[in-house]
Amino acid sequence: MTLDKAVLQRLAVRADITDYVRIISRAHAATPLGMGFGKTRFSSPRDKFRLLYLAQDPATAIAETIVRDRFQGKAER
């Protein structure tokens, strides 16, 4: 697949994430922004980009961490 740079430029948005939160497991405390390749609905199937999950509030961050990590690497949800 080839991405059209003009289309990407039109779709790009600027976001201020200074007030967002991230909740991670203690096992990953040494690399808190350790974005990796995963197998989630937003991941690159060929590991072309990495993801950083952020939330606008702690409740959403906790829920996203629990749900996302529970199914990490599994084919079926």
PDB file of N, CA and C in Angstrom:
ATOM      1  N   MET A   1       0.833  -1.165   0.000  1.00  0.00           N
ATOM      2  CA  MET A   1       0.000   0.000   0.000  1.00  0.00           C
ATOM      3  C   MET A   1       0.888   1.240   0.000  1.00  0.00           C
ATOM      4  N   THR A   2       0.535   2.207  -0.815  1.00  0.00           N
ATOM      5  CA  THR A   2       1.241   3.475  -0.866  1.00  0.00           C
ATOM      6  C   THR A   2       0.335   4.565  -0.324  1.00  0.00           C
ATOM      7  N   LEU A   3       0.879   5.375   0.555  1.00  0.00           N
ATOM      8  CA  LEU A   3       0.101   6.466   1.134  1.00  0.00           C
ATOM      9  C   LEU A   3       0.342   7.749   0.364  1.00  0.00           C
ATOM     10  N   ASP A   4      -0.721   8.448   0.048  1.00  0.00           N
ATOM     11  CA  ASP A   4      -0.648   9.711  -0.673  1.00  0.00           C
ATOM     12  C   ASP A   4      -0.340  10.822   0.339  1.00  0.00           C
ATOM     13  N   LYS A   5       0.798  11.481   0.180  1.00  0.00           N
ATOM     14  CA  LYS A   5       1.219  12.511   1.129  1.00  0.00           C
ATOM     15  C   LYS A   5       0.239  13.674   1.185  1.00  0.00           C
ATOM     16  N   ALA A   6      -0.376  14.024   0.079  1.00  0.00           N
ATOM     17  CA  ALA A   6      -1.345  15.125   0.064  1.00  0.00           C
ATOM     18  C   ALA A   6      -2.577  14.768   0.893  1.00  0.00           C
ATOM     19  N   VAL A   7      -3.024  13.527   0.795  1.00  0.00           N
ATOM     20  CA  VAL A   7      -4.183  13.080   1.581  1.00  0.00           C
ATOM     21  C   VAL A   7      -3.820  13.068   3.065  1.00  0.00           C
ATOM     22  N   LEU A   8      -2.652  12.553   3.392  1.00  0.00           N
ATOM     23  CA  LEU A   8      -2.218  12.533   4.786  1.00  0.00           C
ATOM     24  C   LEU A   8      -2.123  13.945   5.364  1.00  0.00           C
ATOM     25  N   GLN A   9      -1.630  14.875   4.592  1.00  0.00           N
ATOM     26  CA  GLN A   9      -1.507  16.258   5.055  1.00  0.00           C
ATOM     27  C   GLN A   9      -2.881  16.849   5.349  1.00  0.00           C
ATOM     28  N   ARG A  10      -3.873  16.562   4.512  1.00  0.00           N
ATOM     29  CA  ARG A  10      -5.237  17.068   4.739  1.00  0.00           C
ATOM     30  C   ARG A  10      -5.865  16.441   5.977  1.00  0.00           C
ATOM     31  N   LEU A  11      -5.523  15.202   6.282  1.00  0.00           N
ATOM     32  CA  LEU A  11      -6.122  14.493   7.409  1.00  0.00           C
ATOM     33  C   LEU A  11      -5.407  14.750   8.735  1.00  0.00           C
ATOM     34  N   ALA A  12      -4.198  15.253   8.679  1.00  0.00           N
ATOM     35  CA  ALA A  12      -3.413  15.472   9.896  1.00  0.00           C
ATOM     36  C   ALA A  12      -4.035  16.584  10.741  1.00  0.00           C
ATOM     37  N   VAL A  13      -4.034  16.374  12.041  1.00  0.00           N
ATOM     38  CA  VAL A  13      -4.535  17.381  12.975  1.00  0.00           C
ATOM     39  C   VAL A  13      -3.506  17.603  14.072  1.00  0.00           C
ATOM     40  N   ARG A  14      -3.482  18.795  14.601  1.00  0.00           N
ATOM     41  CA  ARG A  14      -2.582  19.112  15.707  1.00  0.00           C
ATOM     42  C   ARG A  14      -3.336  18.833  17.004  1.00  0.00           C
ATOM     43  N   ALA A  15      -2.685  18.187  17.937  1.00  0.00           N
ATOM     44  CA  ALA A  15      -3.327  17.855  19.209  1.00  0.00           C
ATOM     45  C   ALA A  15      -2.408  18.251  20.361  1.00  0.00           C
ATOM     46  N   ASP A  16      -2.968  18.902  21.355  1.00  0.00           N
ATOM     47  CA  ASP A  16      -2.232  19.244  22.563  1.00  0.00           C
ATOM     48  C   ASP A  16      -2.522  18.152  23.594  1.00  0.00           C
ATOM     49  N   ILE A  17      -1.536  17.331  23.895  1.00  0.00           N
ATOM     50  CA  ILE A  17      -1.758  16.189  24.786  1.00  0.00           C
ATOM     51  C   ILE A  17      -1.154  16.405  26.171  1.00  0.00           C
ATOM     52  N   THR A  18      -0.868  17.653  26.520  1.00  0.00           N
ATOM     53  CA  THR A  18      -0.221  17.918  27.809  1.00  0.00           C
ATOM     54  C   THR A  18      -1.079  17.525  29.001  1.00  0.00           C
ATOM     55  N   ASP A  19      -2.391  17.517  28.847  1.00  0.00           N
ATOM     56  CA  ASP A  19      -3.267  17.150  29.962  1.00  0.00           C
ATOM     57  C   ASP A  19      -3.763  15.706  29.894  1.00  0.00           C
ATOM     58  N   TYR A  20      -3.266  14.932  28.954  1.00  0.00           N
ATOM     59  CA  TYR A  20      -3.684  13.538  28.838  1.00  0.00           C
ATOM     60  C   TYR A  20      -2.932  12.692  29.856  1.00  0.00           C
ATOM     61  N   VAL A  21      -3.461  11.516  30.150  1.00  0.00           N
ATOM     62  CA  VAL A  21      -2.822  10.621  31.112  1.00  0.00           C
ATOM     63  C   VAL A  21      -2.556   9.272  30.466  1.00  0.00           C
ATOM     64  N   ARG A  22      -1.614   8.574  31.065  1.00  0.00           N
ATOM     65  CA  ARG A  22      -1.300   7.217  30.616  1.00  0.00           C
ATOM     66  C   ARG A  22      -1.077   6.370  31.848  1.00  0.00           C
ATOM     67  N   ILE A  23      -1.674   5.205  31.869  1.00  0.00           N
ATOM     68  CA  ILE A  23      -1.509   4.282  32.978  1.00  0.00           C
ATOM     69  C   ILE A  23      -0.817   3.038  32.427  1.00  0.00           C
ATOM     70  N   ILE A  24       0.270   2.653  33.077  1.00  0.00           N
ATOM     71  CA  ILE A  24       1.027   1.494  32.613  1.00  0.00           C
ATOM     72  C   ILE A  24       1.297   0.555  33.782  1.00  0.00           C
ATOM     73  N   SER A  25       1.598  -0.668  33.443  1.00  0.00           N
ATOM     74  CA  SER A  25       1.971  -1.663  34.441  1.00  0.00           C
ATOM     75  C   SER A  25       3.341  -1.318  35.025  1.00  0.00           C
ATOM     76  N   ARG A  26       3.559  -1.674  36.289  1.00  0.00           N
ATOM     77  CA  ARG A  26       4.863  -1.455  36.905  1.00  0.00           C
ATOM     78  C   ARG A  26       5.979  -2.153  36.137  1.00  0.00           C
ATOM     79  N   ALA A  27       5.635  -3.233  35.481  1.00  0.00           N
ATOM     80  CA  ALA A  27       6.644  -3.976  34.715  1.00  0.00           C
ATOM     81  C   ALA A  27       7.266  -3.105  33.622  1.00  0.00           C
ATOM     82  N   HIS A  28       6.559  -2.045  33.202  1.00  0.00           N
ATOM     83  CA  HIS A  28       7.049  -1.167  32.139  1.00  0.00           C
ATOM     84  C   HIS A  28       7.477   0.201  32.661  1.00  0.00           C
ATOM     85  N   ALA A  29       7.634   0.326  33.966  1.00  0.00           N
ATOM     86  CA  ALA A  29       7.957   1.621  34.579  1.00  0.00           C
ATOM     87  C   ALA A  29       9.293   2.194  34.098  1.00  0.00           C
ATOM     88  N   ALA A  30      10.223   1.355  33.749  1.00  0.00           N
ATOM     89  CA  ALA A  30      11.533   1.834  33.302  1.00  0.00           C
ATOM     90  C   ALA A  30      11.464   2.501  31.928  1.00  0.00           C
ATOM     91  N   THR A  31      10.450   2.192  31.165  1.00  0.00           N
ATOM     92  CA  THR A  31      10.286   2.785  29.831  1.00  0.00           C
ATOM     93  C   THR A  31       8.847   3.279  29.681  1.00  0.00           C
ATOM     94  N   PRO A  32       8.471   4.341  30.398  1.00  0.00           N
ATOM     95  CA  PRO A  32       7.080   4.776  30.419  1.00  0.00           C
ATOM     96  C   PRO A  32       6.514   5.201  29.067  1.00  0.00           C
ATOM     97  N   LEU A  33       7.352   5.642  28.159  1.00  0.00           N
ATOM     98  CA  LEU A  33       6.868   5.955  26.810  1.00  0.00           C
ATOM     99  C   LEU A  33       7.282   4.871  25.833  1.00  0.00           C
ATOM    100  N   GLY A  34       7.598   3.710  26.339  1.00  0.00           N
ATOM    101  CA  GLY A  34       8.044   2.597  25.516  1.00  0.00           C
ATOM    102  C   GLY A  34       6.966   2.130  24.552  1.00  0.00           C
ATOM    103  N   MET A  35       6.852   2.844  23.470  1.00  0.00           N
ATOM    104  CA  MET A  35       5.871   2.463  22.457  1.00  0.00           C
ATOM    105  C   MET A  35       6.423   1.273  21.692  1.00  0.00           C
ATOM    106  N   GLY A  36       5.608   0.286  21.504  1.00  0.00           N
ATOM    107  CA  GLY A  36       6.073  -0.900  20.810  1.00  0.00           C
ATOM    108  C   GLY A  36       5.138  -1.323  19.707  1.00  0.00           C
ATOM    109  N   PHE A  37       5.515  -2.364  19.036  1.00  0.00           N
ATOM    110  CA  PHE A  37       4.670  -2.941  18.008  1.00  0.00           C
ATOM    111  C   PHE A  37       3.724  -3.913  18.694  1.00  0.00           C
ATOM    112  N   GLY A  38       2.473  -3.788  18.433  1.00  0.00           N
ATOM    113  CA  GLY A  38       1.486  -4.667  19.047  1.00  0.00           C
ATOM    114  C   GLY A  38       0.562  -5.254  18.012  1.00  0.00           C
ATOM    115  N   LYS A  39      -0.366  -6.031  18.464  1.00  0.00           N
ATOM    116  CA  LYS A  39      -1.361  -6.635  17.579  1.00  0.00           C
ATOM    117  C   LYS A  39      -2.744  -6.208  18.067  1.00  0.00           C
ATOM    118  N   THR A  40      -3.056  -4.937  17.914  1.00  0.00           N
ATOM    119  CA  THR A  40      -4.347  -4.398  18.300  1.00  0.00           C
ATOM    120  C   THR A  40      -5.061  -3.880  17.067  1.00  0.00           C
ATOM    121  N   ARG A  41      -6.260  -3.401  17.264  1.00  0.00           N
ATOM    122  CA  ARG A  41      -7.048  -2.917  16.128  1.00  0.00           C
ATOM    123  C   ARG A  41      -6.445  -1.681  15.472  1.00  0.00           C
ATOM    124  N   PHE A  42      -5.556  -0.975  16.157  1.00  0.00           N
ATOM    125  CA  PHE A  42      -4.937   0.222  15.604  1.00  0.00           C
ATOM    126  C   PHE A  42      -3.510  -0.014  15.119  1.00  0.00           C
ATOM    127  N   SER A  43      -2.974  -1.183  15.356  1.00  0.00           N
ATOM    128  CA  SER A  43      -1.574  -1.471  15.044  1.00  0.00           C
ATOM    129  C   SER A  43      -1.327  -1.646  13.558  1.00  0.00           C
ATOM    130  N   SER A  44      -0.085  -1.460  13.208  1.00  0.00           N
ATOM    131  CA  SER A  44       0.348  -1.722  11.843  1.00  0.00           C
ATOM    132  C   SER A  44       0.525  -3.221  11.668  1.00  0.00           C
ATOM    133  N   PRO A  45      -0.151  -3.815  10.702  1.00  0.00           N
ATOM    134  CA  PRO A  45      -0.004  -5.264  10.518  1.00  0.00           C
ATOM    135  C   PRO A  45       1.415  -5.679  10.132  1.00  0.00           C
ATOM    136  N   ARG A  46       2.198  -4.747   9.592  1.00  0.00           N
ATOM    137  CA  ARG A  46       3.568  -5.059   9.186  1.00  0.00           C
ATOM    138  C   ARG A  46       4.606  -4.292  10.011  1.00  0.00           C
ATOM    139  N   ASP A  47       4.203  -3.834  11.183  1.00  0.00           N
ATOM    140  CA  ASP A  47       5.104  -3.107  12.090  1.00  0.00           C
ATOM    141  C   ASP A  47       5.761  -1.899  11.425  1.00  0.00           C
ATOM    142  N   LYS A  48       4.963  -1.082  10.749  1.00  0.00           N
ATOM    143  CA  LYS A  48       5.464   0.125  10.091  1.00  0.00           C
ATOM    144  C   LYS A  48       5.427   1.340  11.007  1.00  0.00           C
ATOM    145  N   PHE A  49       4.612   1.295  12.060  1.00  0.00           N
ATOM    146  CA  PHE A  49       4.554   2.397  13.013  1.00  0.00           C
ATOM    147  C   PHE A  49       4.224   1.858  14.392  1.00  0.00           C
ATOM    148  N   ARG A  50       4.471   2.662  15.405  1.00  0.00           N
ATOM    149  CA  ARG A  50       4.206   2.286  16.795  1.00  0.00           C
ATOM    150  C   ARG A  50       3.079   3.135  17.342  1.00  0.00           C
ATOM    151  N   LEU A  51       2.485   2.677  18.412  1.00  0.00           N
ATOM    152  CA  LEU A  51       1.352   3.383  19.007  1.00  0.00           C
ATOM    153  C   LEU A  51       1.664   3.843  20.419  1.00  0.00           C
ATOM    154  N   LEU A  52       1.054   4.962  20.783  1.00  0.00           N
ATOM    155  CA  LEU A  52       1.095   5.451  22.153  1.00  0.00           C
ATOM    156  C   LEU A  52      -0.350   5.661  22.567  1.00  0.00           C
ATOM    157  N   TYR A  53      -0.797   4.921  23.562  1.00  0.00           N
ATOM    158  CA  TYR A  53      -2.165   5.036  24.053  1.00  0.00           C
ATOM    159  C   TYR A  53      -2.223   6.095  25.155  1.00  0.00           C
ATOM    160  N   LEU A  54      -3.065   7.094  24.959  1.00  0.00           N
ATOM    161  CA  LEU A  54      -3.303   8.143  25.939  1.00  0.00           C
ATOM    162  C   LEU A  54      -4.798   8.275  26.165  1.00  0.00           C
ATOM    163  N   ALA A  55      -5.168   8.863  27.290  1.00  0.00           N
ATOM    164  CA  ALA A  55      -6.587   9.080  27.570  1.00  0.00           C
ATOM    165  C   ALA A  55      -6.773  10.474  28.151  1.00  0.00           C
ATOM    166  N   GLN A  56      -8.000  10.964  28.065  1.00  0.00           N
ATOM    167  CA  GLN A  56      -8.289  12.295  28.591  1.00  0.00           C
ATOM    168  C   GLN A  56      -8.591  12.281  30.087  1.00  0.00           C
ATOM    169  N   ASP A  57      -8.802  11.107  30.667  1.00  0.00           N
ATOM    170  CA  ASP A  57      -9.074  11.032  32.102  1.00  0.00           C
ATOM    171  C   ASP A  57      -8.567   9.688  32.644  1.00  0.00           C
ATOM    172  N   PRO A  58      -8.304   9.618  33.950  1.00  0.00           N
ATOM    173  CA  PRO A  58      -7.759   8.384  34.530  1.00  0.00           C
ATOM    174  C   PRO A  58      -8.664   7.159  34.366  1.00  0.00           C
ATOM    175  N   ALA A  59      -9.978   7.325  34.459  1.00  0.00           N
ATOM    176  CA  ALA A  59     -10.873   6.169  34.330  1.00  0.00           C
ATOM    177  C   ALA A  59     -10.744   5.521  32.955  1.00  0.00           C
ATOM    178  N   THR A  60     -10.667   6.335  31.925  1.00  0.00           N
ATOM    179  CA  THR A  60     -10.505   5.802  30.574  1.00  0.00           C
ATOM    180  C   THR A  60      -9.137   5.159  30.410  1.00  0.00           C
ATOM    181  N   ALA A  61      -8.110   5.766  30.974  1.00  0.00           N
ATOM    182  CA  ALA A  61      -6.753   5.201  30.880  1.00  0.00           C
ATOM    183  C   ALA A  61      -6.684   3.839  31.551  1.00  0.00           C
ATOM    184  N   ILE A  62      -7.309   3.701  32.708  1.00  0.00           N
ATOM    185  CA  ILE A  62      -7.331   2.407  33.400  1.00  0.00           C
ATOM    186  C   ILE A  62      -8.084   1.372  32.579  1.00  0.00           C
ATOM    187  N   ALA A  63      -9.252   1.738  32.101  1.00  0.00           N
ATOM    188  CA  ALA A  63     -10.050   0.797  31.307  1.00  0.00           C
ATOM    189  C   ALA A  63      -9.305   0.373  30.043  1.00  0.00           C
ATOM    190  N   GLU A  64      -8.695   1.314  29.370  1.00  0.00           N
ATOM    191  CA  GLU A  64      -7.969   1.003  28.134  1.00  0.00           C
ATOM    192  C   GLU A  64      -6.792   0.080  28.431  1.00  0.00           C
ATOM    193  N   THR A  65      -6.096   0.311  29.513  1.00  0.00           N
ATOM    194  CA  THR A  65      -4.951  -0.532  29.870  1.00  0.00           C
ATOM    195  C   THR A  65      -5.407  -1.953  30.178  1.00  0.00           C
ATOM    196  N   ILE A  66      -6.457  -2.091  30.954  1.00  0.00           N
ATOM    197  CA  ILE A  66      -6.945  -3.428  31.316  1.00  0.00           C
ATOM    198  C   ILE A  66      -7.464  -4.167  30.093  1.00  0.00           C
ATOM    199  N   VAL A  67      -8.302  -3.529  29.311  1.00  0.00           N
ATOM    200  CA  VAL A  67      -8.890  -4.190  28.143  1.00  0.00           C
ATOM    201  C   VAL A  67      -7.830  -4.470  27.086  1.00  0.00           C
ATOM    202  N   ARG A  68      -7.017  -3.478  26.781  1.00  0.00           N
ATOM    203  CA  ARG A  68      -6.018  -3.644  25.728  1.00  0.00           C
ATOM    204  C   ARG A  68      -5.000  -4.706  26.107  1.00  0.00           C
ATOM    205  N   ASP A  69      -4.469  -4.642  27.317  1.00  0.00           N
ATOM    206  CA  ASP A  69      -3.442  -5.590  27.724  1.00  0.00           C
ATOM    207  C   ASP A  69      -3.976  -7.009  27.879  1.00  0.00           C
ATOM    208  N   ARG A  70      -5.239  -7.155  28.229  1.00  0.00           N
ATOM    209  CA  ARG A  70      -5.803  -8.488  28.408  1.00  0.00           C
ATOM    210  C   ARG A  70      -5.818  -9.260  27.091  1.00  0.00           C
ATOM    211  N   PHE A  71      -6.002  -8.553  25.976  1.00  0.00           N
ATOM    212  CA  PHE A  71      -6.095  -9.219  24.677  1.00  0.00           C
ATOM    213  C   PHE A  71      -4.834  -9.072  23.837  1.00  0.00           C
ATOM    214  N   GLN A  72      -3.806  -8.452  24.367  1.00  0.00           N
ATOM    215  CA  GLN A  72      -2.580  -8.234  23.616  1.00  0.00           C
ATOM    216  C   GLN A  72      -2.033  -9.544  23.060  1.00  0.00           C
ATOM    217  N   GLY A  73      -1.820  -9.588  21.760  1.00  0.00           N
ATOM    218  CA  GLY A  73      -1.214 -10.740  21.119  1.00  0.00           C
ATOM    219  C   GLY A  73      -2.147 -11.907  20.856  1.00  0.00           C
ATOM    220  N   LYS A  74      -3.420 -11.761  21.152  1.00  0.00           N
ATOM    221  CA  LYS A  74      -4.366 -12.851  20.917  1.00  0.00           C
ATOM    222  C   LYS A  74      -5.164 -12.570  19.649  1.00  0.00           C
ATOM    223  N   ALA A  75      -5.417 -13.610  18.903  1.00  0.00           N
ATOM    224  CA  ALA A  75      -6.150 -13.455  17.644  1.00  0.00           C
ATOM    225  C   ALA A  75      -7.626 -13.135  17.879  1.00  0.00           C
ATOM    226  N   GLU A  76      -8.208 -13.724  18.895  1.00  0.00           N
ATOM    227  CA  GLU A  76      -9.619 -13.498  19.157  1.00  0.00           C
ATOM    228  C   GLU A  76      -9.798 -12.656  20.403  1.00  0.00           C
ATOM    229  N   ARG A  77     -10.800 -11.776  20.367  1.00  0.00           N
ATOM    230  CA  ARG A  77     -11.064 -10.890  21.504  1.00  0.00           C
ATOM    231  C   ARG A  77     -12.211 -11.426  22.304  1.00  0.00           C
TER     232      ARG A  77
END
